[in-house]
């Protein structure tokens, strides 16, 4: 009469096995995986043979560029040495005045008592350095070309250099076309002359006879009037290895025995570049 619970049919609904498996299977991804264990052929390093060829190409290119640079430097030095206008000695007779006023100014500078005294001193050598620059290059040089000529730096300065780069005196005449204010020489020109003159003074004291301006301090003392004779005086006060300290001034150059008037004073530091040994011959040309 009574049946066991096990004999009663189960009331829990059942699903077909295939449907059950399908319902619990992982859903399909609507997009591809963003990662992969496979290697990307697009980022493979080049084969060993290609790397070797590339390295050889870089090596040969570097050698070629280096050889070309050395050859160009040598040819430049050779060409410049061939077209040098004059030696220091030849510059003393190379200048030809273009008019009577220029001729008179040149004669006054050459025969001035200061020039005569320096010329008689065996410790000094005389030259007109601007004339050692080849003519094609001189036109693009500031003090030897752009600022040189009638009304400017009228004649190439006479430069007297003491042996060993100890001191230097440059005699010149400044015309009326290089003024800042009317009748007064531009201070920038005076600074340029001092920078160049102080450098020229100390270069012989440096190991490879060349340097660049590291510092230049200028004090203007009095107006530099146009159309007058002046003297630039420089002295090397200290040398340490590739460094040289120089002091100098520009003063009037009286022609009637009066005392000179200091117009501007300067102190400068010049440093020889580390590569100066390879470039010194080029610098000497200019």
C-alpha atoms as a PDB file:
ATOM      1  CA  UNK A   1       0.000   0.000   0.000  1.00  0.00           C
ATOM      2  CA  UNK A   2       2.817   2.314   0.866  1.00  0.00           C
ATOM      3  CA  UNK A   3       5.671   2.887  -1.628  1.00  0.00           C
ATOM      4  CA  UNK A   4       9.086   4.201  -0.761  1.00  0.00           C
ATOM      5  CA  UNK A   5      10.065   7.695  -1.695  1.00  0.00           C
ATOM      6  CA  UNK A   6      12.561   6.329  -4.153  1.00  0.00           C
ATOM      7  CA  UNK A   7       9.807   4.747  -6.114  1.00  0.00           C
ATOM      8  CA  UNK A   8       8.064   8.032  -6.765  1.00  0.00           C
ATOM      9  CA  UNK A   9       9.065   9.765  -9.960  1.00  0.00           C
ATOM     10  CA  UNK A  10      11.215  12.862  -9.579  1.00  0.00           C
ATOM     11  CA  UNK A  11       9.437  16.159 -10.225  1.00  0.00           C
ATOM     12  CA  UNK A  12      12.645  18.099 -10.973  1.00  0.00           C
ATOM     13  CA  UNK A  13      12.657  19.007 -14.668  1.00  0.00           C
ATOM     14  CA  UNK A  14      15.548  17.648 -16.629  1.00  0.00           C
ATOM     15  CA  UNK A  15      17.265  18.870 -19.797  1.00  0.00           C
ATOM     16  CA  UNK A  16      18.659  16.835 -22.563  1.00  0.00           C
ATOM     17  CA  UNK A  17      22.354  16.190 -22.072  1.00  0.00           C
ATOM     18  CA  UNK A  18      23.358  17.849 -25.342  1.00  0.00           C
ATOM     19  CA  UNK A  19      21.440  21.004 -24.416  1.00  0.00           C
ATOM     20  CA  UNK A  20      22.983  21.027 -20.954  1.00  0.00           C
ATOM     21  CA  UNK A  21      26.491  20.783 -22.317  1.00  0.00           C
ATOM     22  CA  UNK A  22      25.798  23.510 -24.798  1.00  0.00           C
ATOM     23  CA  UNK A  23      24.402  25.854 -22.180  1.00  0.00           C
ATOM     24  CA  UNK A  24      27.532  25.595 -20.049  1.00  0.00           C
ATOM     25  CA  UNK A  25      30.101  25.804 -22.843  1.00  0.00           C
ATOM     26  CA  UNK A  26      32.239  28.970 -23.111  1.00  0.00           C
ATOM     27  CA  UNK A  27      30.737  31.633 -25.354  1.00  0.00           C
ATOM     28  CA  UNK A  28      32.410  32.357 -28.630  1.00  0.00           C
ATOM     29  CA  UNK A  29      34.566  35.497 -28.677  1.00  0.00           C
ATOM     30  CA  UNK A  30      33.292  38.149 -31.066  1.00  0.00           C
ATOM     31  CA  UNK A  31      36.890  39.383 -31.598  1.00  0.00           C
ATOM     32  CA  UNK A  32      40.251  37.700 -32.056  1.00  0.00           C
ATOM     33  CA  UNK A  33      42.689  37.324 -29.213  1.00  0.00           C
ATOM     34  CA  UNK A  34      44.904  40.307 -28.496  1.00  0.00           C
ATOM     35  CA  UNK A  35      47.846  38.104 -27.700  1.00  0.00           C
ATOM     36  CA  UNK A  36      49.512  35.131 -29.189  1.00  0.00           C
ATOM     37  CA  UNK A  37      52.315  32.772 -28.351  1.00  0.00           C
ATOM     38  CA  UNK A  38      53.434  32.837 -31.954  1.00  0.00           C
ATOM     39  CA  UNK A  39      56.265  35.154 -33.003  1.00  0.00           C
ATOM     40  CA  UNK A  40      55.431  38.176 -35.145  1.00  0.00           C
ATOM     41  CA  UNK A  41      57.447  37.851 -38.352  1.00  0.00           C
ATOM     42  CA  UNK A  42      57.338  41.625 -38.831  1.00  0.00           C
ATOM     43  CA  UNK A  43      59.564  42.245 -35.796  1.00  0.00           C
ATOM     44  CA  UNK A  44      62.071  39.497 -36.408  1.00  0.00           C
ATOM     45  CA  UNK A  45      65.691  40.767 -36.320  1.00  0.00           C
ATOM     46  CA  UNK A  46      67.382  40.754 -39.715  1.00  0.00           C
ATOM     47  CA  UNK A  47      69.338  37.655 -40.564  1.00  0.00           C
ATOM     48  CA  UNK A  48      72.904  37.501 -39.408  1.00  0.00           C
ATOM     49  CA  UNK A  49      74.209  37.971 -42.930  1.00  0.00           C
ATOM     50  CA  UNK A  50      72.266  41.195 -43.405  1.00  0.00           C
ATOM     51  CA  UNK A  51      73.551  42.574 -40.093  1.00  0.00           C
ATOM     52  CA  UNK A  52      77.118  41.866 -41.130  1.00  0.00           C
ATOM     53  CA  UNK A  53      76.656  43.598 -44.473  1.00  0.00           C
ATOM     54  CA  UNK A  54      75.095  46.636 -42.742  1.00  0.00           C
ATOM     55  CA  UNK A  55      77.977  46.893 -40.283  1.00  0.00           C
ATOM     56  CA  UNK A  56      80.508  46.671 -43.114  1.00  0.00           C
ATOM     57  CA  UNK A  57      78.641  49.413 -44.971  1.00  0.00           C
ATOM     58  CA  UNK A  58      78.717  51.693 -41.907  1.00  0.00           C
ATOM     59  CA  UNK A  59      82.396  50.988 -41.366  1.00  0.00           C
ATOM     60  CA  UNK A  60      83.379  51.680 -44.975  1.00  0.00           C
ATOM     61  CA  UNK A  61      81.229  54.852 -45.012  1.00  0.00           C
ATOM     62  CA  UNK A  62      82.903  56.163 -41.852  1.00  0.00           C
ATOM     63  CA  UNK A  63      86.357  55.506 -43.293  1.00  0.00           C
ATOM     64  CA  UNK A  64      85.391  57.229 -46.537  1.00  0.00           C
ATOM     65  CA  UNK A  65      84.044  60.314 -44.759  1.00  0.00           C
ATOM     66  CA  UNK A  66      87.140  60.517 -42.561  1.00  0.00           C
ATOM     67  CA  UNK A  67      89.471  60.189 -45.550  1.00  0.00           C
ATOM     68  CA  UNK A  68      87.518  62.803 -47.494  1.00  0.00           C
ATOM     69  CA  UNK A  69      87.709  65.248 -44.560  1.00  0.00           C
ATOM     70  CA  UNK A  70      91.457  64.762 -44.193  1.00  0.00           C
ATOM     71  CA  UNK A  71      91.967  65.171 -47.930  1.00  0.00           C
ATOM     72  CA  UNK A  72      89.819  68.283 -48.090  1.00  0.00           C
ATOM     73  CA  UNK A  73      91.674  69.846 -45.153  1.00  0.00           C
ATOM     74  CA  UNK A  74      95.028  69.091 -46.760  1.00  0.00           C
ATOM     75  CA  UNK A  75      93.958  70.480 -50.127  1.00  0.00           C
ATOM     76  CA  UNK A  76      92.543  73.600 -48.468  1.00  0.00           C
ATOM     77  CA  UNK A  77      95.814  74.225 -46.644  1.00  0.00           C
ATOM     78  CA  UNK A  78      97.787  73.600 -49.824  1.00  0.00           C
ATOM     79  CA  UNK A  79      95.592  75.914 -51.893  1.00  0.00           C
ATOM     80  CA  UNK A  80      95.679  78.685 -49.335  1.00  0.00           C
ATOM     81  CA  UNK A  81      99.427  78.428 -48.969  1.00  0.00           C
ATOM     82  CA  UNK A  82      99.782  78.819 -52.738  1.00  0.00           C
ATOM     83  CA  UNK A  83      97.607  81.933 -52.941  1.00  0.00           C
ATOM     84  CA  UNK A  84      99.099  83.701 -49.947  1.00  0.00           C
ATOM     85  CA  UNK A  85      99.438  87.354 -50.856  1.00  0.00           C
ATOM     86  CA  UNK A  86     102.695  88.198 -49.062  1.00  0.00           C
ATOM     87  CA  UNK A  87     104.924  87.163 -46.203  1.00  0.00           C
ATOM     88  CA  UNK A  88     105.307  89.476 -43.203  1.00  0.00           C
ATOM     89  CA  UNK A  89     108.382  91.067 -44.771  1.00  0.00           C
ATOM     90  CA  UNK A  90     106.713  91.542 -48.125  1.00  0.00           C
ATOM     91  CA  UNK A  91     103.722  93.301 -46.582  1.00  0.00           C
ATOM     92  CA  UNK A  92     105.916  96.239 -45.591  1.00  0.00           C
ATOM     93  CA  UNK A  93     106.244  97.266 -49.231  1.00  0.00           C
ATOM     94  CA  UNK A  94     103.011  95.801 -50.620  1.00  0.00           C
ATOM     95  CA  UNK A  95     100.591  98.630 -49.878  1.00  0.00           C
ATOM     96  CA  UNK A  96     100.031 101.203 -52.619  1.00  0.00           C
ATOM     97  CA  UNK A  97      98.111 104.355 -51.693  1.00  0.00           C
ATOM     98  CA  UNK A  98      95.180 105.209 -53.930  1.00  0.00           C
ATOM     99  CA  UNK A  99      95.196 108.987 -53.366  1.00  0.00           C
ATOM    100  CA  UNK A 100      97.426 111.755 -51.919  1.00  0.00           C
ATOM    101  CA  UNK A 101      95.661 111.825 -48.535  1.00  0.00           C
ATOM    102  CA  UNK A 102      96.067 108.068 -48.064  1.00  0.00           C
ATOM    103  CA  UNK A 103      99.702 108.348 -49.104  1.00  0.00           C
ATOM    104  CA  UNK A 104     100.308 111.099 -46.549  1.00  0.00           C
ATOM    105  CA  UNK A 105      98.669 109.085 -43.758  1.00  0.00           C
ATOM    106  CA  UNK A 106     100.716 106.013 -44.631  1.00  0.00           C
ATOM    107  CA  UNK A 107     103.933 108.019 -44.657  1.00  0.00           C
ATOM    108  CA  UNK A 108     103.142 109.611 -41.285  1.00  0.00           C
ATOM    109  CA  UNK A 109     102.553 106.234 -39.644  1.00  0.00           C
ATOM    110  CA  UNK A 110     105.662 104.665 -41.165  1.00  0.00           C
ATOM    111  CA  UNK A 111     107.962 107.506 -40.086  1.00  0.00           C
ATOM    112  CA  UNK A 112     106.388 108.300 -36.697  1.00  0.00           C
ATOM    113  CA  UNK A 113     108.920 108.403 -33.824  1.00  0.00           C
ATOM    114  CA  UNK A 114     107.113 105.515 -32.094  1.00  0.00           C
ATOM    115  CA  UNK A 115     107.432 103.398 -35.238  1.00  0.00           C
ATOM    116  CA  UNK A 116     111.083 104.340 -35.679  1.00  0.00           C
ATOM    117  CA  UNK A 117     111.913 103.402 -32.083  1.00  0.00           C
ATOM    118  CA  UNK A 118     110.149 100.029 -32.306  1.00  0.00           C
ATOM    119  CA  UNK A 119     111.759  99.292 -35.662  1.00  0.00           C
ATOM    120  CA  UNK A 120     115.184  99.799 -34.090  1.00  0.00           C
ATOM    121  CA  UNK A 121     114.427  97.415 -31.205  1.00  0.00           C
ATOM    122  CA  UNK A 122     115.673  93.863 -32.039  1.00  0.00           C
ATOM    123  CA  UNK A 123     113.039  92.343 -29.726  1.00  0.00           C
ATOM    124  CA  UNK A 124     110.260  93.484 -32.068  1.00  0.00           C
ATOM    125  CA  UNK A 125     109.318  92.384 -35.571  1.00  0.00           C
ATOM    126  CA  UNK A 126     107.331  94.572 -37.942  1.00  0.00           C
ATOM    127  CA  UNK A 127     104.517  93.527 -40.285  1.00  0.00           C
ATOM    128  CA  UNK A 128     101.199  94.588 -41.782  1.00  0.00           C
ATOM    129  CA  UNK A 129      99.238  91.406 -40.988  1.00  0.00           C
ATOM    130  CA  UNK A 130      96.081  92.332 -42.878  1.00  0.00           C
ATOM    131  CA  UNK A 131      98.030  92.115 -46.129  1.00  0.00           C
ATOM    132  CA  UNK A 132      99.007  88.481 -45.485  1.00  0.00           C
ATOM    133  CA  UNK A 133      95.370  87.510 -46.065  1.00  0.00           C
ATOM    134  CA  UNK A 134      94.798  86.464 -49.702  1.00  0.00           C
ATOM    135  CA  UNK A 135      92.853  89.078 -51.640  1.00  0.00           C
ATOM    136  CA  UNK A 136      89.786  86.845 -52.287  1.00  0.00           C
ATOM    137  CA  UNK A 137      89.464  86.240 -48.542  1.00  0.00           C
ATOM    138  CA  UNK A 138      90.355  89.776 -47.502  1.00  0.00           C
ATOM    139  CA  UNK A 139      87.131  91.165 -48.917  1.00  0.00           C
ATOM    140  CA  UNK A 140      85.168  89.077 -46.393  1.00  0.00           C
ATOM    141  CA  UNK A 141      87.374  89.924 -43.441  1.00  0.00           C
ATOM    142  CA  UNK A 142      85.950  92.557 -41.080  1.00  0.00           C
ATOM    143  CA  UNK A 143      88.981  94.709 -40.260  1.00  0.00           C
ATOM    144  CA  UNK A 144      90.994  93.875 -43.381  1.00  0.00           C
ATOM    145  CA  UNK A 145      88.115  94.261 -45.836  1.00  0.00           C
ATOM    146  CA  UNK A 146      84.724  95.546 -44.710  1.00  0.00           C
ATOM    147  CA  UNK A 147      86.090  98.228 -42.383  1.00  0.00           C
ATOM    148  CA  UNK A 148      89.225  99.006 -44.378  1.00  0.00           C
ATOM    149  CA  UNK A 149      89.743 101.794 -46.893  1.00  0.00           C
ATOM    150  CA  UNK A 150      89.242 105.534 -47.272  1.00  0.00           C
ATOM    151  CA  UNK A 151      87.199 107.011 -44.449  1.00  0.00           C
ATOM    152  CA  UNK A 152      87.519 103.839 -42.342  1.00  0.00           C
ATOM    153  CA  UNK A 153      90.718 102.096 -41.263  1.00  0.00           C
ATOM    154  CA  UNK A 154      92.413 104.123 -43.950  1.00  0.00           C
ATOM    155  CA  UNK A 155      95.644 102.143 -44.335  1.00  0.00           C
ATOM    156  CA  UNK A 156      96.638  98.666 -43.141  1.00  0.00           C
ATOM    157  CA  UNK A 157      97.984  99.078 -39.580  1.00  0.00           C
ATOM    158  CA  UNK A 158     101.695  98.786 -38.833  1.00  0.00           C
ATOM    159  CA  UNK A 159     102.089  96.069 -36.187  1.00  0.00           C
ATOM    160  CA  UNK A 160     105.187  95.603 -34.010  1.00  0.00           C
ATOM    161  CA  UNK A 161     105.243  92.304 -32.074  1.00  0.00           C
ATOM    162  CA  UNK A 162     107.613  91.508 -29.252  1.00  0.00           C
ATOM    163  CA  UNK A 163     109.284  88.127 -29.330  1.00  0.00           C
ATOM    164  CA  UNK A 164     107.400  85.290 -27.595  1.00  0.00           C
ATOM    165  CA  UNK A 165     104.053  87.060 -27.580  1.00  0.00           C
ATOM    166  CA  UNK A 166     105.000  89.365 -24.722  1.00  0.00           C
ATOM    167  CA  UNK A 167     103.600  92.612 -26.139  1.00  0.00           C
ATOM    168  CA  UNK A 168     102.334  94.242 -29.323  1.00  0.00           C
ATOM    169  CA  UNK A 169     101.847  97.797 -30.649  1.00  0.00           C
ATOM    170  CA  UNK A 170      99.641  98.571 -33.644  1.00  0.00           C
ATOM    171  CA  UNK A 171      99.646 101.997 -35.316  1.00  0.00           C
ATOM    172  CA  UNK A 172      96.650 103.066 -37.413  1.00  0.00           C
ATOM    173  CA  UNK A 173      94.474 105.935 -38.595  1.00  0.00           C
ATOM    174  CA  UNK A 174      90.681 105.963 -38.104  1.00  0.00           C
ATOM    175  CA  UNK A 175      88.600 107.970 -40.562  1.00  0.00           C
ATOM    176  CA  UNK A 176      85.216 109.641 -40.329  1.00  0.00           C
ATOM    177  CA  UNK A 177      83.047 106.877 -41.818  1.00  0.00           C
ATOM    178  CA  UNK A 178      83.211 104.568 -38.797  1.00  0.00           C
ATOM    179  CA  UNK A 179      81.447 106.836 -36.304  1.00  0.00           C
ATOM    180  CA  UNK A 180      78.666 106.134 -33.837  1.00  0.00           C
ATOM    181  CA  UNK A 181      77.928 109.740 -32.945  1.00  0.00           C
ATOM    182  CA  UNK A 182      78.915 112.483 -35.353  1.00  0.00           C
ATOM    183  CA  UNK A 183      82.693 112.842 -35.300  1.00  0.00           C
ATOM    184  CA  UNK A 184      83.191 110.134 -32.647  1.00  0.00           C
ATOM    185  CA  UNK A 185      84.454 106.652 -33.505  1.00  0.00           C
ATOM    186  CA  UNK A 186      81.934 103.904 -32.838  1.00  0.00           C
ATOM    187  CA  UNK A 187      82.631 102.028 -29.601  1.00  0.00           C
ATOM    188  CA  UNK A 188      81.940  98.729 -31.343  1.00  0.00           C
ATOM    189  CA  UNK A 189      84.817  99.341 -33.732  1.00  0.00           C
ATOM    190  CA  UNK A 190      87.153 100.067 -30.828  1.00  0.00           C
ATOM    191  CA  UNK A 191      86.033  96.835 -29.141  1.00  0.00           C
ATOM    192  CA  UNK A 192      86.653  94.902 -32.358  1.00  0.00           C
ATOM    193  CA  UNK A 193      90.131  96.360 -32.723  1.00  0.00           C
ATOM    194  CA  UNK A 194      90.974  95.485 -29.120  1.00  0.00           C
ATOM    195  CA  UNK A 195      89.650  91.945 -29.453  1.00  0.00           C
ATOM    196  CA  UNK A 196      91.763  91.399 -32.544  1.00  0.00           C
ATOM    197  CA  UNK A 197      94.826  93.214 -31.220  1.00  0.00           C
ATOM    198  CA  UNK A 198      94.932  91.493 -27.837  1.00  0.00           C
ATOM    199  CA  UNK A 199      94.518  88.130 -29.543  1.00  0.00           C
ATOM    200  CA  UNK A 200      97.331  88.877 -31.972  1.00  0.00           C
ATOM    201  CA  UNK A 201      99.535  89.823 -29.041  1.00  0.00           C
ATOM    202  CA  UNK A 202      99.197  86.564 -27.095  1.00  0.00           C
ATOM    203  CA  UNK A 203      98.894  83.964 -29.854  1.00  0.00           C
ATOM    204  CA  UNK A 204     102.673  83.413 -30.134  1.00  0.00           C
ATOM    205  CA  UNK A 205     102.688  82.533 -26.413  1.00  0.00           C
ATOM    206  CA  UNK A 206     100.152  79.697 -26.813  1.00  0.00           C
ATOM    207  CA  UNK A 207     101.277  76.118 -27.574  1.00  0.00           C
ATOM    208  CA  UNK A 208      99.852  76.080 -31.131  1.00  0.00           C
ATOM    209  CA  UNK A 209      99.820  79.858 -31.703  1.00  0.00           C
ATOM    210  CA  UNK A 210      96.036  80.196 -31.944  1.00  0.00           C
ATOM    211  CA  UNK A 211      93.140  80.824 -29.578  1.00  0.00           C
ATOM    212  CA  UNK A 212      89.592  82.094 -29.225  1.00  0.00           C
ATOM    213  CA  UNK A 213      88.174  84.865 -27.060  1.00  0.00           C
ATOM    214  CA  UNK A 214      86.720  83.531 -23.807  1.00  0.00           C
ATOM    215  CA  UNK A 215      86.203  86.878 -22.085  1.00  0.00           C
ATOM    216  CA  UNK A 216      86.626  90.550 -23.022  1.00  0.00           C
ATOM    217  CA  UNK A 217      86.057  93.471 -20.619  1.00  0.00           C
ATOM    218  CA  UNK A 218      86.188  97.048 -21.920  1.00  0.00           C
ATOM    219  CA  UNK A 219      86.261 100.427 -20.188  1.00  0.00           C
ATOM    220  CA  UNK A 220      85.772 103.532 -22.315  1.00  0.00           C
ATOM    221  CA  UNK A 221      87.832 106.421 -20.914  1.00  0.00           C
ATOM    222  CA  UNK A 222      87.454 109.282 -23.406  1.00  0.00           C
ATOM    223  CA  UNK A 223      85.737 109.958 -26.743  1.00  0.00           C
ATOM    224  CA  UNK A 224      87.738 108.665 -29.692  1.00  0.00           C
ATOM    225  CA  UNK A 225      87.523 111.453 -32.223  1.00  0.00           C
ATOM    226  CA  UNK A 226      87.402 110.596 -35.919  1.00  0.00           C
ATOM    227  CA  UNK A 227      90.198 111.370 -38.382  1.00  0.00           C
ATOM    228  CA  UNK A 228      93.093 110.838 -36.000  1.00  0.00           C
ATOM    229  CA  UNK A 229      96.102 108.617 -35.448  1.00  0.00           C
ATOM    230  CA  UNK A 230      95.870 106.026 -32.670  1.00  0.00           C
ATOM    231  CA  UNK A 231      98.036 103.322 -31.141  1.00  0.00           C
ATOM    232  CA  UNK A 232      96.780  99.999 -29.805  1.00  0.00           C
ATOM    233  CA  UNK A 233      99.064  98.619 -27.090  1.00  0.00           C
ATOM    234  CA  UNK A 234      98.719  95.101 -25.662  1.00  0.00           C
ATOM    235  CA  UNK A 235     100.660  93.025 -23.145  1.00  0.00           C
ATOM    236  CA  UNK A 236     100.377  89.350 -22.240  1.00  0.00           C
ATOM    237  CA  UNK A 237     100.283  89.288 -18.435  1.00  0.00           C
ATOM    238  CA  UNK A 238      99.912  85.545 -17.771  1.00  0.00           C
ATOM    239  CA  UNK A 239      99.976  82.223 -19.640  1.00  0.00           C
ATOM    240  CA  UNK A 240      98.865  78.883 -18.195  1.00  0.00           C
ATOM    241  CA  UNK A 241      98.806  76.000 -20.660  1.00  0.00           C
ATOM    242  CA  UNK A 242      96.149  76.782 -23.238  1.00  0.00           C
ATOM    243  CA  UNK A 243      95.054  80.008 -21.499  1.00  0.00           C
ATOM    244  CA  UNK A 244      96.444  83.519 -21.911  1.00  0.00           C
ATOM    245  CA  UNK A 245      95.450  86.725 -20.112  1.00  0.00           C
ATOM    246  CA  UNK A 246      96.067  89.980 -21.958  1.00  0.00           C
ATOM    247  CA  UNK A 247      95.622  93.665 -21.116  1.00  0.00           C
ATOM    248  CA  UNK A 248      95.642  96.561 -23.534  1.00  0.00           C
ATOM    249  CA  UNK A 249      94.433  99.986 -24.529  1.00  0.00           C
ATOM    250  CA  UNK A 250      93.874 102.309 -27.459  1.00  0.00           C
ATOM    251  CA  UNK A 251      95.386 105.757 -27.080  1.00  0.00           C
ATOM    252  CA  UNK A 252      96.013 108.754 -29.274  1.00  0.00           C
ATOM    253  CA  UNK A 253      99.222 108.873 -31.291  1.00  0.00           C
ATOM    254  CA  UNK A 254     100.271 112.536 -31.154  1.00  0.00           C
ATOM    255  CA  UNK A 255     102.441 113.841 -33.944  1.00  0.00           C
ATOM    256  CA  UNK A 256     103.543 116.979 -32.124  1.00  0.00           C
ATOM    257  CA  UNK A 257     105.205 115.508 -29.044  1.00  0.00           C
ATOM    258  CA  UNK A 258     102.179 115.744 -26.710  1.00  0.00           C
ATOM    259  CA  UNK A 259     101.327 113.051 -24.184  1.00  0.00           C
ATOM    260  CA  UNK A 260      98.926 110.373 -25.502  1.00  0.00           C
ATOM    261  CA  UNK A 261      95.357 110.229 -24.202  1.00  0.00           C
ATOM    262  CA  UNK A 262      93.926 106.841 -23.244  1.00  0.00           C
ATOM    263  CA  UNK A 263      90.640 106.328 -25.085  1.00  0.00           C
ATOM    264  CA  UNK A 264      89.643 102.787 -24.098  1.00  0.00           C
ATOM    265  CA  UNK A 265      91.122  99.983 -21.983  1.00  0.00           C
ATOM    266  CA  UNK A 266      90.495  96.246 -22.090  1.00  0.00           C
ATOM    267  CA  UNK A 267      91.292  92.940 -20.396  1.00  0.00           C
ATOM    268  CA  UNK A 268      90.764  89.597 -22.099  1.00  0.00           C
ATOM    269  CA  UNK A 269      91.172  85.861 -21.685  1.00  0.00           C
ATOM    270  CA  UNK A 270      92.012  83.716 -24.701  1.00  0.00           C
ATOM    271  CA  UNK A 271      91.875  79.907 -24.775  1.00  0.00           C
ATOM    272  CA  UNK A 272      93.458  77.635 -27.324  1.00  0.00           C
ATOM    273  CA  UNK A 273      90.976  75.000 -28.655  1.00  0.00           C
ATOM    274  CA  UNK A 274      91.863  71.371 -27.998  1.00  0.00           C
ATOM    275  CA  UNK A 275      91.913  70.666 -31.737  1.00  0.00           C
ATOM    276  CA  UNK A 276      94.209  73.623 -32.441  1.00  0.00           C
ATOM    277  CA  UNK A 277      97.129  71.392 -33.395  1.00  0.00           C
ATOM    278  CA  UNK A 278      95.228  70.149 -36.461  1.00  0.00           C
ATOM    279  CA  UNK A 279      93.864  73.561 -37.442  1.00  0.00           C
ATOM    280  CA  UNK A 280      96.724  75.867 -36.573  1.00  0.00           C
ATOM    281  CA  UNK A 281      98.001  76.103 -40.157  1.00  0.00           C
ATOM    282  CA  UNK A 282      94.593  77.269 -41.347  1.00  0.00           C
ATOM    283  CA  UNK A 283      94.432  79.890 -38.633  1.00  0.00           C
ATOM    284  CA  UNK A 284      97.882  81.140 -39.519  1.00  0.00           C
ATOM    285  CA  UNK A 285      96.730  81.861 -43.046  1.00  0.00           C
ATOM    286  CA  UNK A 286      93.902  84.108 -41.860  1.00  0.00           C
END
